[in-house]
Amino acid sequence: MEIKNRQQVLVIVTLSLLGLFLANLLVYEPLAKWWSSRQSDLNALRDQVKQGRALIGRDSIIRGRWEHFRANALPNDPSQSEQQVLKAFNNWAGDSGVNVESITPQWQNDQDDYSTLECRLEASGDISSLIRFLYEIENDPMALQLESVELTATDEKGQQLTLGLEFSGLALVTTTHP
């Protein structure tokens, strides 16, 4: 092969490789990135469809729970709500033999459509009465949630205990749902 033909072949090969490199840089890589993002978008949409179908399948359960929350929520009037909670705690204390020492309620207007009644309760008794008291709270359908529970012994043998509870109650402002 002559030198002139060899130079032409090398120039053609070099230009071809440069062309392939530019095609890779300007065409293939952007298309590959687009395809990859499209695939991730499709996977995200598939996941959303699965979640939507699962929600549709659980429609009656979710609506039932919402109706339960709505039916057992505290009244919209703060004084009625506090009175209802105090009456319930007095009933639970009477049933369990616990001595309620103090309840401090405080309202939080969390959103436009609901507010919460946050309370701190101090009670005393023996372990069985305090367990019964907590059982009564947890099994009542009223919309109360225990946030924290503190148990402290007040005597050396641990026979008398003090219970500190922080709980919140749900009061719905709007009683209708979409």
Protein backbone atom coordinates (compact mmCIF):
# COMPACT_ATOMS: atom_id res chain seq x y z
CA MET A 1 0.00 0.00 0.00
CA GLU A 2 1.29 3.39 -0.89
CA ILE A 3 1.84 6.15 1.63
CA LYS A 4 -0.74 8.40 0.01
CA ASN A 5 -3.43 5.70 0.22
CA ARG A 6 -2.39 4.90 3.78
CA GLN A 7 -2.77 8.57 4.79
CA GLN A 8 -6.18 8.73 3.15
CA VAL A 9 -7.28 5.57 4.98
CA LEU A 10 -5.98 6.94 8.31
CA VAL A 11 -7.75 10.26 7.70
CA ILE A 12 -10.98 8.44 6.84
CA VAL A 13 -10.68 6.16 9.90
CA THR A 14 -9.86 9.15 12.15
CA LEU A 15 -12.78 11.18 10.76
CA SER A 16 -15.06 8.15 11.11
CA LEU A 17 -14.02 7.65 14.73
CA LEU A 18 -14.45 11.37 15.40
CA GLY A 19 -17.89 11.20 13.78
CA LEU A 20 -18.84 8.18 15.89
CA PHE A 21 -17.61 9.94 19.04
CA LEU A 22 -19.65 13.07 18.22
CA ALA A 23 -22.70 10.94 17.33
CA ASN A 24 -22.33 9.14 20.66
CA LEU A 25 -21.93 12.42 22.51
CA LEU A 26 -24.69 14.35 20.74
CA VAL A 27 -27.23 11.63 19.87
CA TYR A 28 -26.85 8.38 21.78
CA GLU A 29 -26.17 9.69 25.30
CA PRO A 30 -29.10 12.19 25.31
CA LEU A 31 -31.42 9.50 23.92
CA ALA A 32 -30.19 7.00 26.52
CA LYS A 33 -30.77 9.53 29.34
CA TRP A 34 -34.23 10.34 27.96
CA TRP A 35 -35.09 6.64 27.72
CA SER A 36 -33.87 6.00 31.26
CA SER A 37 -35.89 8.91 32.67
CA ARG A 38 -38.91 7.74 30.68
CA GLN A 39 -38.56 4.26 32.17
CA SER A 40 -38.30 5.64 35.71
CA ASP A 41 -41.36 7.83 35.06
CA LEU A 42 -43.27 4.80 33.81
CA ASN A 43 -42.24 2.78 36.85
CA ALA A 44 -43.36 5.60 39.15
CA LEU A 45 -46.70 5.78 37.34
CA ARG A 46 -47.12 2.00 37.61
CA ASP A 47 -46.50 2.24 41.36
CA GLN A 48 -49.05 5.05 41.66
CA VAL A 49 -51.60 2.96 39.76
CA LYS A 50 -50.95 0.01 42.10
CA GLN A 51 -51.41 2.27 45.13
CA GLY A 52 -54.58 3.72 43.64
CA ARG A 53 -56.01 0.26 42.98
CA ALA A 54 -55.12 -0.78 46.53
CA LEU A 55 -56.93 2.30 47.88
CA ILE A 56 -59.95 1.57 45.74
CA GLY A 57 -59.93 -2.00 47.03
CA ARG A 58 -59.82 -0.76 50.63
CA ASP A 59 -62.47 1.92 50.05
CA SER A 60 -65.06 0.46 52.39
CA ILE A 61 -62.49 -0.10 55.15
CA ILE A 62 -61.14 3.45 54.88
CA ARG A 63 -64.61 4.97 54.80
CA GLY A 64 -65.63 2.85 57.77
CA ARG A 65 -62.64 4.04 59.79
CA TRP A 66 -63.37 7.64 58.84
CA GLU A 67 -66.99 7.26 59.95
CA HIS A 68 -65.76 5.75 63.22
CA PHE A 69 -63.39 8.70 63.78
CA ARG A 70 -66.06 11.19 62.81
CA ALA A 71 -68.69 9.59 65.06
CA ASN A 72 -66.35 9.39 68.06
CA ALA A 73 -64.63 12.77 67.67
CA LEU A 74 -64.99 15.32 70.41
CA PRO A 75 -67.67 18.00 70.01
CA ASN A 76 -66.69 21.15 68.16
CA ASP A 77 -67.44 23.29 71.23
CA PRO A 78 -64.32 23.47 73.48
CA SER A 79 -66.25 23.53 76.75
CA GLN A 80 -68.38 20.52 75.77
CA SER A 81 -65.26 18.65 74.66
CA GLU A 82 -63.45 19.33 77.92
CA GLN A 83 -66.53 18.35 79.90
CA GLN A 84 -66.87 15.10 77.93
CA VAL A 85 -63.19 14.21 78.49
CA LEU A 86 -63.34 15.07 82.20
CA LYS A 87 -66.50 13.01 82.65
CA ALA A 88 -64.92 10.05 80.84
CA PHE A 89 -61.78 10.25 82.99
CA ASN A 90 -63.85 10.42 86.15
CA ASN A 91 -65.80 7.32 85.02
CA TRP A 92 -62.59 5.43 84.19
CA ALA A 93 -61.03 6.48 87.48
CA GLY A 94 -64.11 5.30 89.37
CA ASP A 95 -64.16 1.95 87.55
CA SER A 96 -60.45 1.31 88.10
CA GLY A 97 -59.94 2.80 91.58
CA VAL A 98 -57.36 5.35 90.40
CA ASN A 99 -57.10 8.72 92.13
CA VAL A 100 -56.97 11.47 89.46
CA GLU A 101 -54.97 14.36 90.88
CA SER A 102 -54.92 16.84 88.00
CA ILE A 103 -55.89 17.30 84.37
CA THR A 104 -54.59 20.27 82.40
CA PRO A 105 -56.26 20.70 79.00
CA GLN A 106 -54.90 22.93 76.23
CA TRP A 107 -56.40 23.48 72.78
CA GLN A 108 -54.35 23.44 69.58
CA ASN A 109 -55.93 24.73 66.38
CA ASP A 110 -53.89 22.56 64.03
CA GLN A 111 -55.85 23.05 60.80
CA ASP A 112 -59.00 24.74 59.59
CA ASP A 113 -61.00 21.51 59.66
CA TYR A 114 -59.91 20.07 63.02
CA SER A 115 -58.33 20.96 66.34
CA THR A 116 -56.83 18.89 69.10
CA LEU A 117 -57.30 18.96 72.83
CA GLU A 118 -53.93 18.19 74.40
CA CYS A 119 -54.05 17.20 78.04
CA ARG A 120 -51.68 16.23 80.81
CA LEU A 121 -53.10 13.96 83.51
CA GLU A 122 -51.61 13.00 86.87
CA ALA A 123 -53.10 10.02 88.70
CA SER A 124 -52.04 7.70 91.50
CA GLY A 125 -52.83 4.18 92.60
CA ASP A 126 -51.42 0.68 92.71
CA ILE A 127 -50.21 -1.16 89.60
CA SER A 128 -53.42 -3.11 89.01
CA SER A 129 -55.65 -0.04 89.21
CA LEU A 130 -53.34 1.94 86.91
CA ILE A 131 -53.32 -0.92 84.39
CA ARG A 132 -57.10 -1.09 84.53
CA PHE A 133 -57.25 2.71 84.04
CA LEU A 134 -55.02 2.55 80.94
CA TYR A 135 -57.08 -0.35 79.62
CA GLU A 136 -60.28 1.68 79.99
CA ILE A 137 -58.73 4.62 78.12
CA GLU A 138 -57.46 2.47 75.26
CA ASN A 139 -60.73 0.58 74.80
CA ASP A 140 -63.02 3.59 74.81
CA PRO A 141 -64.16 4.62 71.33
CA MET A 142 -63.62 8.32 72.11
CA ALA A 143 -61.09 9.93 69.76
CA LEU A 144 -58.21 10.05 72.26
CA GLN A 145 -54.61 9.12 71.58
CA LEU A 146 -52.02 8.49 74.26
CA GLU A 147 -48.87 10.44 73.46
CA SER A 148 -46.71 9.47 76.45
CA VAL A 149 -46.99 7.48 79.67
CA GLU A 150 -44.79 8.01 82.73
CA LEU A 151 -44.89 5.74 85.75
CA THR A 152 -43.16 6.71 89.01
CA ALA A 153 -43.05 4.95 92.38
CA THR A 154 -43.98 7.16 95.32
CA ASP A 155 -42.97 4.78 98.11
CA GLU A 156 -39.88 2.63 98.75
CA LYS A 157 -41.56 -0.70 97.95
CA GLY A 158 -43.22 0.56 94.77
CA GLN A 159 -46.73 -0.21 95.98
CA GLN A 160 -48.05 3.30 95.30
CA LEU A 161 -47.40 4.65 91.82
CA THR A 162 -47.96 7.95 90.09
CA LEU A 163 -49.07 7.90 86.47
CA GLY A 164 -48.38 10.82 84.15
CA LEU A 165 -50.24 10.77 80.84
CA GLU A 166 -50.08 13.07 77.87
CA PHE A 167 -52.89 12.52 75.41
CA SER A 168 -54.67 14.34 72.64
CA GLY A 169 -58.28 14.31 71.53
CA LEU A 170 -59.61 15.04 68.05
CA ALA A 171 -62.35 17.62 67.47
CA LEU A 172 -63.56 17.97 63.88
CA VAL A 173 -64.70 21.43 62.84
CA THR A 174 -66.57 20.17 59.81
CA THR A 175 -68.75 17.14 60.28
CA THR A 176 -69.35 16.49 56.58
CA HIS A 177 -66.96 14.71 54.32
CA PRO A 178 -66.57 14.79 50.52
